């Protein structure tokens, strides 16, 4: 029989332990690479400021027709009724007609807020003179910008239009007729 000594058993035992424990210890994975430097974090969203009046439309109506005041060459008769609409329910707004000499033209203004929007009807107190260029100005009454009930502000709006002469009526005064004199000849 072979004699087994402690030293002879320690070698294979130590090798076996080293293999078992060495196999259990795996190296830790490398940490993920750092993201590239993207700079400072983005700033918080900033209010873009006032925008245009949403869903805005403007037209003029008179006995014989209708015209779009949004057209660049809008032209209306002096007694036309001006109708404006926006989908914003405005709480601070002022609507004026100003002529080419920067005079405020008198008018009656009706404002109606309904269905989440606002409509305006302007009726000039007296017909606007023909061949006049006018501006329809929509801005704020308390501030310089129109504001809705939620506090949103909108850019002021200026529409340009011209006034054409009203058509001649049937009651127009006829031109002066020349009176002819008859001469009597004596014979």
N, C-alpha and C. Protein backbone atom coordinates (compact mmCIF):
# COMPACT_ATOMS: atom_id res chain seq x y z
N UNK A 1 0.79 -1.14 0.00
CA UNK A 1 0.00 0.00 0.00
C UNK A 1 0.84 1.22 0.00
N UNK A 2 0.29 2.15 -0.55
CA UNK A 2 1.07 3.38 -0.66
C UNK A 2 0.73 4.26 0.51
N UNK A 3 1.71 4.85 0.93
CA UNK A 3 1.54 5.73 2.07
C UNK A 3 1.20 7.12 1.59
N UNK A 4 0.13 7.72 2.14
CA UNK A 4 -0.32 9.04 1.73
C UNK A 4 0.09 9.98 2.83
N UNK A 5 0.76 11.00 2.44
CA UNK A 5 1.17 12.01 3.41
C UNK A 5 0.30 13.25 3.22
N UNK A 6 0.34 14.07 4.23
CA UNK A 6 -0.48 15.30 4.18
C UNK A 6 0.00 16.22 3.08
N UNK A 7 1.23 16.32 2.87
CA UNK A 7 1.74 17.21 1.87
C UNK A 7 1.37 16.75 0.48
N UNK A 8 1.28 15.45 0.31
CA UNK A 8 0.95 14.97 -1.01
C UNK A 8 -0.54 15.22 -1.32
N UNK A 9 -1.41 15.27 -0.30
CA UNK A 9 -2.82 15.54 -0.53
C UNK A 9 -3.10 17.04 -0.70
N UNK A 10 -2.32 17.85 -0.07
CA UNK A 10 -2.53 19.30 -0.12
C UNK A 10 -2.35 19.84 -1.53
N UNK A 11 -1.44 19.34 -2.26
CA UNK A 11 -1.19 19.86 -3.60
C UNK A 11 -2.39 19.70 -4.50
N UNK A 12 -2.89 18.39 -4.65
CA UNK A 12 -4.03 18.23 -5.52
C UNK A 12 -5.28 18.93 -4.97
N UNK A 13 -5.44 18.97 -3.64
CA UNK A 13 -6.59 19.62 -3.03
C UNK A 13 -6.54 21.11 -3.28
N UNK A 14 -5.42 21.72 -3.12
CA UNK A 14 -5.25 23.14 -3.35
C UNK A 14 -5.50 23.46 -4.81
N UNK A 15 -5.05 22.63 -5.71
CA UNK A 15 -5.26 22.85 -7.13
C UNK A 15 -6.74 22.76 -7.48
N UNK A 16 -7.43 21.76 -6.84
CA UNK A 16 -8.86 21.59 -7.10
C UNK A 16 -9.64 22.79 -6.57
N UNK A 17 -9.28 23.25 -5.36
CA UNK A 17 -9.94 24.42 -4.79
C UNK A 17 -9.72 25.65 -5.65
N UNK A 18 -8.53 25.81 -6.12
CA UNK A 18 -8.20 26.96 -6.96
C UNK A 18 -8.99 26.91 -8.25
N UNK A 19 -9.15 25.74 -8.83
CA UNK A 19 -9.92 25.62 -10.06
C UNK A 19 -11.39 25.92 -9.79
N UNK A 20 -11.96 25.38 -8.67
CA UNK A 20 -13.37 25.56 -8.37
C UNK A 20 -13.64 27.02 -8.05
N UNK A 21 -12.88 27.60 -7.13
CA UNK A 21 -13.13 28.99 -6.74
C UNK A 21 -12.71 29.98 -7.84
N UNK A 22 -11.71 29.64 -8.59
CA UNK A 22 -11.29 30.50 -9.68
C UNK A 22 -12.33 30.55 -10.79
N UNK A 23 -13.00 29.43 -11.01
CA UNK A 23 -14.02 29.37 -12.04
C UNK A 23 -15.26 30.14 -11.60
N UNK A 24 -15.54 30.24 -10.31
CA UNK A 24 -16.71 30.94 -9.81
C UNK A 24 -16.53 32.45 -9.86
N UNK A 25 -15.34 32.90 -9.75
CA UNK A 25 -15.10 34.34 -9.75
C UNK A 25 -14.87 34.81 -11.18
N UNK A 26 -15.87 35.43 -11.73
CA UNK A 26 -15.74 35.97 -13.08
C UNK A 26 -15.37 37.45 -12.94
N UNK A 27 -14.66 37.93 -13.86
CA UNK A 27 -14.35 39.35 -13.79
C UNK A 27 -15.62 40.17 -14.03
N UNK A 28 -15.75 41.28 -13.34
CA UNK A 28 -16.89 42.17 -13.49
C UNK A 28 -16.85 42.82 -14.86
N UNK A 29 -18.03 43.02 -15.47
CA UNK A 29 -18.01 43.68 -16.78
C UNK A 29 -17.53 45.13 -16.62
N UNK A 30 -16.96 45.61 -17.67
CA UNK A 30 -16.45 46.99 -17.65
C UNK A 30 -17.65 47.95 -17.59
N UNK A 31 -17.50 49.07 -16.89
CA UNK A 31 -18.61 50.03 -16.83
C UNK A 31 -18.89 50.59 -18.23
N UNK A 32 -20.14 50.95 -18.49
CA UNK A 32 -20.46 51.48 -19.83
C UNK A 32 -19.68 52.77 -20.07
N UNK A 33 -19.37 53.01 -21.31
CA UNK A 33 -18.61 54.24 -21.59
C UNK A 33 -19.46 55.47 -21.26
N UNK A 34 -18.81 56.51 -20.84
CA UNK A 34 -19.51 57.76 -20.50
C UNK A 34 -20.09 58.36 -21.77
N UNK A 35 -21.31 58.90 -21.71
CA UNK A 35 -21.89 59.51 -22.92
C UNK A 35 -21.05 60.71 -23.34
N UNK A 36 -21.05 60.97 -24.63
CA UNK A 36 -20.27 62.14 -25.06
C UNK A 36 -20.84 63.40 -24.42
N UNK A 37 -20.00 64.36 -24.23
CA UNK A 37 -20.41 65.59 -23.57
C UNK A 37 -21.43 66.32 -24.45
N UNK A 38 -22.71 66.34 -24.00
CA UNK A 38 -23.78 66.97 -24.76
C UNK A 38 -23.94 68.43 -24.39
N UNK A 39 -23.15 68.92 -23.52
CA UNK A 39 -23.25 70.31 -23.09
C UNK A 39 -24.23 70.43 -21.94
N UNK A 40 -24.57 71.64 -21.60
CA UNK A 40 -25.51 71.84 -20.49
C UNK A 40 -26.89 71.35 -20.86
N UNK A 41 -27.72 71.04 -19.88
CA UNK A 41 -29.08 70.57 -20.20
C UNK A 41 -29.85 71.67 -20.92
N UNK A 42 -30.81 71.28 -21.75
CA UNK A 42 -31.57 72.30 -22.50
C UNK A 42 -32.35 73.20 -21.54
N UNK A 43 -32.52 74.46 -21.92
CA UNK A 43 -33.28 75.37 -21.05
C UNK A 43 -34.75 74.97 -21.03
N UNK A 44 -35.47 75.37 -20.00
CA UNK A 44 -36.90 75.05 -19.97
C UNK A 44 -37.61 75.74 -21.12
N UNK A 45 -38.74 75.19 -21.57
CA UNK A 45 -39.45 75.82 -22.69
C UNK A 45 -39.83 77.25 -22.35
N UNK A 46 -39.64 78.10 -23.33
CA UNK A 46 -39.92 79.52 -23.16
C UNK A 46 -41.22 79.85 -23.88
N UNK A 47 -42.03 80.72 -23.30
CA UNK A 47 -43.25 81.16 -23.95
C UNK A 47 -42.88 81.80 -25.28
N UNK A 48 -43.47 81.32 -26.35
CA UNK A 48 -43.13 81.82 -27.68
C UNK A 48 -43.62 83.25 -27.89
N UNK A 49 -44.37 83.78 -26.94
CA UNK A 49 -44.88 85.14 -27.08
C UNK A 49 -46.22 85.15 -27.77
N UNK A 50 -46.74 86.33 -28.01
CA UNK A 50 -48.07 86.41 -28.64
C UNK A 50 -48.03 85.90 -30.08
N UNK A 51 -49.10 85.28 -30.47
CA UNK A 51 -49.24 84.79 -31.85
C UNK A 51 -50.40 85.48 -32.52
N UNK A 52 -50.69 85.11 -33.76
CA UNK A 52 -51.82 85.72 -34.47
C UNK A 52 -53.14 85.26 -33.87
N UNK A 53 -54.18 86.06 -34.09
CA UNK A 53 -55.52 85.69 -33.63
C UNK A 53 -55.93 84.39 -34.33
N UNK A 54 -56.32 83.37 -33.58
CA UNK A 54 -56.67 82.10 -34.22
C UNK A 54 -58.03 82.17 -34.92
N UNK A 55 -58.11 81.52 -36.06
CA UNK A 55 -59.38 81.42 -36.79
C UNK A 55 -59.97 82.77 -37.16
N UNK A 56 -59.14 83.73 -37.53
CA UNK A 56 -59.64 85.08 -37.80
C UNK A 56 -60.17 85.20 -39.22
N UNK A 57 -61.28 85.92 -39.37
CA UNK A 57 -61.86 86.21 -40.67
C UNK A 57 -62.54 87.57 -40.62
N UNK A 58 -62.54 88.27 -41.74
CA UNK A 58 -63.16 89.60 -41.81
C UNK A 58 -63.80 89.78 -43.17
N UNK A 59 -65.02 90.34 -43.17
CA UNK A 59 -65.69 90.61 -44.43
C UNK A 59 -66.56 91.85 -44.28
N UNK A 60 -66.89 92.42 -45.41
CA UNK A 60 -67.78 93.58 -45.47
C UNK A 60 -69.04 93.16 -46.20
N UNK A 61 -70.18 93.64 -45.73
CA UNK A 61 -71.46 93.33 -46.38
C UNK A 61 -72.21 94.62 -46.65
N UNK A 62 -72.89 94.68 -47.77
CA UNK A 62 -73.74 95.81 -48.11
C UNK A 62 -74.89 95.26 -48.94
N UNK A 63 -75.83 96.12 -49.30
CA UNK A 63 -77.03 95.68 -50.00
C UNK A 63 -76.72 94.85 -51.24
N UNK A 64 -75.73 95.23 -51.98
CA UNK A 64 -75.47 94.55 -53.25
C UNK A 64 -74.38 93.52 -53.22
N UNK A 65 -73.79 93.22 -52.09
CA UNK A 65 -72.72 92.23 -52.12
C UNK A 65 -71.93 92.08 -50.85
N UNK A 66 -70.76 91.49 -51.05
CA UNK A 66 -69.90 91.13 -49.94
C UNK A 66 -68.45 91.15 -50.43
N UNK A 67 -67.50 91.51 -49.52
CA UNK A 67 -66.07 91.52 -49.88
C UNK A 67 -65.26 90.96 -48.72
N UNK A 68 -64.20 90.26 -49.06
CA UNK A 68 -63.28 89.71 -48.06
C UNK A 68 -62.27 90.79 -47.68
N UNK A 69 -62.29 91.22 -46.41
CA UNK A 69 -61.36 92.27 -45.98
C UNK A 69 -59.94 91.76 -45.79
N UNK A 70 -59.75 90.45 -45.84
CA UNK A 70 -58.41 89.88 -45.72
C UNK A 70 -57.65 89.96 -47.05
N UNK A 71 -58.35 90.23 -48.14
CA UNK A 71 -57.71 90.35 -49.44
C UNK A 71 -56.85 91.61 -49.47
N UNK A 72 -55.69 91.55 -50.13
CA UNK A 72 -54.80 92.71 -50.14
C UNK A 72 -55.38 93.94 -50.84
N UNK A 73 -56.33 93.75 -51.74
CA UNK A 73 -56.91 94.88 -52.48
C UNK A 73 -58.39 95.07 -52.11
N UNK A 74 -58.74 94.86 -50.85
CA UNK A 74 -60.13 94.95 -50.42
C UNK A 74 -60.67 96.35 -50.65
N UNK A 75 -61.89 96.41 -51.16
CA UNK A 75 -62.55 97.68 -51.44
C UNK A 75 -64.03 97.52 -51.13
N UNK A 76 -64.60 98.51 -50.44
CA UNK A 76 -66.00 98.42 -50.00
C UNK A 76 -66.69 99.75 -50.23
N UNK A 77 -68.04 99.75 -50.30
CA UNK A 77 -68.75 101.03 -50.37
C UNK A 77 -68.75 101.69 -48.99
N UNK A 78 -69.01 102.99 -48.96
CA UNK A 78 -68.91 103.77 -47.73
C UNK A 78 -69.82 103.33 -46.60
N UNK A 79 -70.97 102.76 -46.89
CA UNK A 79 -71.91 102.38 -45.84
C UNK A 79 -71.87 100.91 -45.49
N UNK A 80 -70.83 100.18 -45.88
CA UNK A 80 -70.76 98.75 -45.64
C UNK A 80 -70.66 98.42 -44.16
N UNK A 81 -71.22 97.29 -43.79
CA UNK A 81 -71.12 96.77 -42.43
C UNK A 81 -69.94 95.81 -42.39
N UNK A 82 -69.04 95.97 -41.42
CA UNK A 82 -67.84 95.14 -41.32
C UNK A 82 -68.05 94.10 -40.23
N UNK A 83 -67.81 92.83 -40.57
CA UNK A 83 -67.98 91.73 -39.62
C UNK A 83 -66.65 91.00 -39.45
N UNK A 84 -66.23 90.83 -38.20
CA UNK A 84 -64.97 90.16 -37.87
C UNK A 84 -65.28 88.99 -36.95
N UNK A 85 -64.52 87.90 -37.10
CA UNK A 85 -64.69 86.73 -36.23
C UNK A 85 -63.32 86.14 -35.89
N UNK A 86 -63.22 85.62 -34.65
CA UNK A 86 -62.04 84.89 -34.24
C UNK A 86 -62.48 83.74 -33.34
N UNK A 87 -61.71 82.67 -33.32
CA UNK A 87 -62.08 81.53 -32.47
C UNK A 87 -61.61 81.72 -31.03
N UNK A 88 -60.93 82.83 -30.73
CA UNK A 88 -60.52 83.13 -29.35
C UNK A 88 -61.61 83.95 -28.67
N UNK A 89 -61.90 83.64 -27.43
CA UNK A 89 -62.88 84.40 -26.66
C UNK A 89 -62.14 85.56 -26.00
N UNK A 90 -62.18 86.71 -26.63
CA UNK A 90 -61.38 87.86 -26.20
C UNK A 90 -62.05 88.62 -25.06
N UNK A 91 -61.21 89.01 -24.08
CA UNK A 91 -61.72 89.79 -22.96
C UNK A 91 -61.18 91.22 -22.99
N UNK A 92 -60.03 91.44 -23.60
CA UNK A 92 -59.46 92.78 -23.73
C UNK A 92 -59.17 93.03 -25.20
N UNK A 93 -60.04 93.82 -25.84
CA UNK A 93 -59.89 94.07 -27.28
C UNK A 93 -60.48 95.43 -27.61
N UNK A 94 -59.92 96.05 -28.62
CA UNK A 94 -60.42 97.34 -29.14
C UNK A 94 -60.38 97.24 -30.66
N UNK A 95 -61.48 97.65 -31.30
CA UNK A 95 -61.59 97.60 -32.76
C UNK A 95 -61.91 99.00 -33.24
N UNK A 96 -61.10 99.52 -34.19
CA UNK A 96 -61.28 100.89 -34.66
C UNK A 96 -61.10 100.97 -36.17
N UNK A 97 -61.76 101.97 -36.77
CA UNK A 97 -61.53 102.32 -38.17
C UNK A 97 -60.81 103.65 -38.17
N UNK A 98 -59.64 103.68 -38.81
CA UNK A 98 -58.83 104.89 -38.87
C UNK A 98 -58.61 105.21 -40.35
N UNK A 99 -58.84 106.47 -40.73
CA UNK A 99 -58.69 106.83 -42.14
C UNK A 99 -57.24 107.17 -42.46
N UNK A 100 -56.98 107.51 -43.73
CA UNK A 100 -55.61 107.76 -44.19
C UNK A 100 -55.00 109.02 -43.59
N UNK A 101 -55.82 109.87 -42.97
CA UNK A 101 -55.31 111.06 -42.29
C UNK A 101 -55.21 110.84 -40.78
N UNK A 102 -55.20 109.58 -40.36
CA UNK A 102 -55.11 109.16 -38.96
C UNK A 102 -56.24 109.68 -38.09
N UNK A 103 -57.40 109.84 -38.68
CA UNK A 103 -58.59 110.24 -37.92
C UNK A 103 -59.40 109.00 -37.60
N UNK A 104 -59.89 108.94 -36.38
CA UNK A 104 -60.76 107.86 -35.97
C UNK A 104 -62.14 108.09 -36.58
N UNK A 105 -62.67 107.10 -37.29
CA UNK A 105 -63.97 107.21 -37.93
C UNK A 105 -65.03 106.68 -36.97
N UNK A 106 -66.07 107.47 -36.68
CA UNK A 106 -67.10 107.02 -35.74
C UNK A 106 -67.87 105.82 -36.28
N UNK A 107 -68.14 104.87 -35.38
CA UNK A 107 -68.92 103.69 -35.76
C UNK A 107 -69.60 103.11 -34.54
N UNK A 108 -70.58 102.29 -34.79
CA UNK A 108 -71.24 101.52 -33.73
C UNK A 108 -70.64 100.13 -33.76
N UNK A 109 -70.23 99.65 -32.59
CA UNK A 109 -69.58 98.34 -32.50
C UNK A 109 -70.42 97.42 -31.62
N UNK A 110 -70.72 96.24 -32.14
CA UNK A 110 -71.40 95.20 -31.38
C UNK A 110 -70.42 94.05 -31.21
N UNK A 111 -70.22 93.60 -29.96
CA UNK A 111 -69.31 92.49 -29.67
C UNK A 111 -70.13 91.36 -29.07
N UNK A 112 -69.92 90.15 -29.60
CA UNK A 112 -70.62 88.98 -29.07
C UNK A 112 -69.60 87.87 -28.85
N UNK A 113 -69.53 87.37 -27.61
CA UNK A 113 -68.66 86.24 -27.29
C UNK A 113 -69.55 85.01 -27.11
N UNK A 114 -69.33 83.99 -27.93
CA UNK A 114 -70.14 82.78 -27.86
C UNK A 114 -69.37 81.61 -28.48
N UNK A 115 -69.66 80.42 -27.99
CA UNK A 115 -69.07 79.18 -28.52
C UNK A 115 -67.55 79.22 -28.54
N UNK A 116 -66.94 79.83 -27.52
CA UNK A 116 -65.48 79.87 -27.45
C UNK A 116 -64.85 80.82 -28.44
N UNK A 117 -65.60 81.72 -29.03
CA UNK A 117 -65.07 82.69 -29.99
C UNK A 117 -65.69 84.05 -29.78
N UNK A 118 -65.25 85.02 -30.58
CA UNK A 118 -65.75 86.38 -30.49
C UNK A 118 -66.07 86.88 -31.89
N UNK A 119 -67.20 87.58 -32.02
CA UNK A 119 -67.51 88.22 -33.31
C UNK A 119 -67.79 89.70 -33.06
N UNK A 120 -67.45 90.51 -34.05
CA UNK A 120 -67.60 91.97 -33.98
C UNK A 120 -68.36 92.41 -35.21
N UNK A 121 -69.26 93.36 -35.04
CA UNK A 121 -69.96 93.97 -36.18
C UNK A 121 -69.78 95.48 -36.04
N UNK A 122 -69.15 96.10 -37.04
CA UNK A 122 -68.95 97.55 -37.05
C UNK A 122 -69.85 98.16 -38.10
N UNK A 123 -70.59 99.16 -37.69
CA UNK A 123 -71.44 99.91 -38.61
C UNK A 123 -71.02 101.36 -38.53
N UNK A 124 -70.45 101.91 -39.60
CA UNK A 124 -70.06 103.32 -39.56
C UNK A 124 -71.26 104.20 -39.22
N UNK A 125 -71.06 105.18 -38.34
CA UNK A 125 -72.15 106.10 -37.95
C UNK A 125 -72.62 106.91 -39.14
N UNK A 126 -71.71 107.22 -40.03
CA UNK A 126 -72.03 107.91 -41.28
C UNK A 126 -71.21 107.22 -42.35
N UNK A 127 -71.70 107.17 -43.58
CA UNK A 127 -70.94 106.48 -44.63
C UNK A 127 -69.53 107.06 -44.76
N UNK A 128 -68.58 106.18 -44.96
CA UNK A 128 -67.20 106.63 -45.15
C UNK A 128 -67.10 107.34 -46.50
N UNK A 129 -66.35 108.44 -46.57
CA UNK A 129 -66.21 109.15 -47.86
C UNK A 129 -65.53 108.26 -48.91
N UNK A 130 -65.97 108.41 -50.16
CA UNK A 130 -65.38 107.60 -51.22
C UNK A 130 -63.95 108.04 -51.49
N UNK A 131 -63.21 107.14 -52.12
CA UNK A 131 -61.80 107.32 -52.46
C UNK A 131 -60.94 107.51 -51.22
N UNK A 132 -61.39 106.98 -50.11
CA UNK A 132 -60.65 107.07 -48.86
C UNK A 132 -59.99 105.72 -48.60
N UNK A 133 -58.78 105.74 -48.07
CA UNK A 133 -58.11 104.52 -47.65
C UNK A 133 -58.24 104.43 -46.14
N UNK A 134 -58.58 103.26 -45.64
CA UNK A 134 -58.81 103.10 -44.20
C UNK A 134 -58.03 101.91 -43.67
N UNK A 135 -57.82 101.93 -42.35
CA UNK A 135 -57.22 100.80 -41.64
C UNK A 135 -58.23 100.33 -40.60
N UNK A 136 -58.40 99.05 -40.51
CA UNK A 136 -59.19 98.44 -39.45
C UNK A 136 -58.18 97.90 -38.45
N UNK A 137 -58.15 98.46 -37.25
CA UNK A 137 -57.12 98.13 -36.26
C UNK A 137 -57.77 97.34 -35.12
N UNK A 138 -57.17 96.19 -34.80
CA UNK A 138 -57.64 95.36 -33.69
C UNK A 138 -56.47 95.22 -32.72
N UNK A 139 -56.61 95.80 -31.53
CA UNK A 139 -55.57 95.73 -30.52
C UNK A 139 -56.24 95.62 -29.15
N UNK A 140 -55.48 95.88 -28.07
CA UNK A 140 -56.03 95.76 -26.73
C UNK A 140 -56.54 97.09 -26.22
N UNK A 141 -57.52 97.04 -25.34
CA UNK A 141 -58.07 98.25 -24.72
C UNK A 141 -57.22 98.64 -23.51
N UNK A 142 -57.01 97.70 -22.58
CA UNK A 142 -56.23 97.98 -21.37
C UNK A 142 -54.73 97.90 -21.65
N UNK A 143 -54.32 96.94 -22.47
CA UNK A 143 -52.93 96.80 -22.87
C UNK A 143 -52.83 97.01 -24.36
N UNK A 144 -51.64 96.81 -24.89
CA UNK A 144 -51.48 97.04 -26.33
C UNK A 144 -51.84 95.81 -27.16
N UNK A 145 -52.05 94.65 -26.50
CA UNK A 145 -52.33 93.42 -27.22
C UNK A 145 -53.71 92.88 -26.87
N UNK A 146 -54.44 92.33 -27.86
CA UNK A 146 -55.70 91.66 -27.53
C UNK A 146 -55.41 90.45 -26.63
N UNK A 147 -56.28 90.21 -25.66
CA UNK A 147 -56.08 89.13 -24.69
C UNK A 147 -57.37 88.34 -24.55
N UNK A 148 -57.25 87.00 -24.43
CA UNK A 148 -58.45 86.19 -24.25
C UNK A 148 -58.73 85.96 -22.77
N UNK A 149 -59.83 85.27 -22.47
CA UNK A 149 -60.24 85.07 -21.09
C UNK A 149 -59.24 84.22 -20.31
N UNK A 150 -58.42 83.43 -20.98
CA UNK A 150 -57.39 82.61 -20.33
C UNK A 150 -56.08 83.35 -20.11
N UNK A 151 -55.99 84.61 -20.54
CA UNK A 151 -54.77 85.39 -20.37
C UNK A 151 -53.79 85.30 -21.53
N UNK A 152 -54.11 84.52 -22.57
CA UNK A 152 -53.22 84.46 -23.74
C UNK A 152 -53.29 85.78 -24.49
N UNK A 153 -52.14 86.25 -24.94
CA UNK A 153 -52.07 87.50 -25.69
C UNK A 153 -51.85 87.20 -27.17
N UNK A 154 -52.37 88.10 -28.01
CA UNK A 154 -52.27 87.93 -29.45
C UNK A 154 -51.70 89.20 -30.08
N UNK A 155 -51.11 89.04 -31.25
CA UNK A 155 -50.55 90.18 -31.96
C UNK A 155 -51.67 91.10 -32.44
N UNK A 156 -51.44 92.42 -32.42
CA UNK A 156 -52.44 93.33 -33.00
C UNK A 156 -52.57 93.04 -34.50
N UNK A 157 -53.70 93.39 -35.04
CA UNK A 157 -53.98 93.11 -36.45
C UNK A 157 -54.42 94.40 -37.12
N UNK A 158 -53.88 94.68 -38.31
CA UNK A 158 -54.26 95.86 -39.09
C UNK A 158 -54.64 95.39 -40.50
N UNK A 159 -55.86 95.72 -40.91
CA UNK A 159 -56.33 95.40 -42.26
C UNK A 159 -56.54 96.70 -43.01
N UNK A 160 -56.08 96.77 -44.25
CA UNK A 160 -56.23 97.97 -45.08
C UNK A 160 -57.33 97.73 -46.11
N UNK A 161 -58.14 98.75 -46.33
CA UNK A 161 -59.16 98.66 -47.37
C UNK A 161 -59.42 100.06 -47.91
N UNK A 162 -59.99 100.10 -49.11
CA UNK A 162 -60.34 101.39 -49.71
C UNK A 162 -61.86 101.47 -49.82
N UNK A 163 -62.33 102.71 -49.94
CA UNK A 163 -63.77 102.96 -50.03
C UNK A 163 -64.07 103.47 -51.42
N UNK A 164 -65.02 102.84 -52.09
CA UNK A 164 -65.41 103.28 -53.42
C UNK A 164 -66.74 104.00 -53.36
N UNK A 165 -66.99 104.84 -54.34
CA UNK A 165 -68.24 105.62 -54.32
C UNK A 165 -69.46 104.71 -54.34
N UNK A 166 -70.49 105.15 -53.65
CA UNK A 166 -71.75 104.42 -53.65
C UNK A 166 -72.37 104.53 -55.04
N UNK A 167 -73.08 103.49 -55.49
CA UNK A 167 -73.70 103.58 -56.81
C UNK A 167 -74.74 104.69 -56.84
N UNK A 168 -74.93 105.26 -58.01
CA UNK A 168 -75.92 106.34 -58.17
C UNK A 168 -77.31 105.80 -57.88
N UNK A 169 -78.11 106.59 -57.22
CA UNK A 169 -79.47 106.16 -56.88
C UNK A 169 -80.45 106.72 -57.90
N UNK A 170 -81.69 106.23 -57.88
CA UNK A 170 -82.72 106.69 -58.82
C UNK A 170 -83.14 108.11 -58.51
N UNK A 171 -82.88 108.60 -57.30
CA UNK A 171 -83.28 109.94 -56.90
C UNK A 171 -82.20 110.97 -57.19
N UNK A 172 -81.28 110.60 -58.04
CA UNK A 172 -80.20 111.55 -58.34
C UNK A 172 -80.77 112.77 -59.04
N UNK A 173 -80.22 113.90 -58.71
CA UNK A 173 -80.69 115.16 -59.29
C UNK A 173 -80.24 115.22 -60.74
N UNK A 174 -81.15 115.44 -61.65
CA UNK A 174 -80.75 115.50 -63.06
C UNK A 174 -79.88 116.72 -63.31
N UNK A 175 -79.09 116.63 -64.35
CA UNK A 175 -78.23 117.75 -64.71
C UNK A 175 -79.06 118.96 -65.15
N UNK A 176 -78.50 120.11 -65.04
CA UNK A 176 -79.22 121.33 -65.39
C UNK A 176 -79.44 121.36 -66.91
N UNK A 177 -80.68 121.56 -67.28
CA UNK A 177 -80.99 121.63 -68.70
C UNK A 177 -80.86 123.07 -69.17
N UNK A 178 -80.38 123.20 -70.37
CA UNK A 178 -80.25 124.52 -70.96
C UNK A 178 -81.56 124.95 -71.56
N UNK A 179 -81.91 126.11 -71.28
CA UNK A 179 -83.17 126.63 -71.80
C UNK A 179 -82.90 127.37 -73.11
N UNK A 180 -83.66 127.04 -74.08
CA UNK A 180 -83.46 127.70 -75.37
C UNK A 180 -84.51 128.79 -75.53
N UNK A 181 -84.07 129.87 -76.01
CA UNK A 181 -84.98 130.98 -76.26
C UNK A 181 -85.34 130.99 -77.74
N UNK A 182 -86.53 131.28 -77.97
CA UNK A 182 -86.97 131.40 -79.34
C UNK A 182 -86.95 132.85 -79.74
N UNK A 183 -86.46 133.06 -80.86
CA UNK A 183 -86.47 134.44 -81.38
C UNK A 183 -87.60 134.57 -82.37
N UNK A 184 -88.25 135.60 -82.21
CA UNK A 184 -89.33 135.88 -83.14
C UNK A 184 -88.83 136.88 -84.17
N UNK A 185 -89.02 136.55 -85.37
CA UNK A 185 -88.63 137.46 -86.42
C UNK A 185 -89.82 138.28 -86.85
N UNK A 186 -89.61 139.51 -87.03
CA UNK A 186 -90.67 140.36 -87.52
C UNK A 186 -90.54 140.47 -89.03
N UNK A 187 -91.56 140.43 -89.58
CA UNK A 187 -91.48 140.56 -91.02
C UNK A 187 -91.86 141.93 -91.50
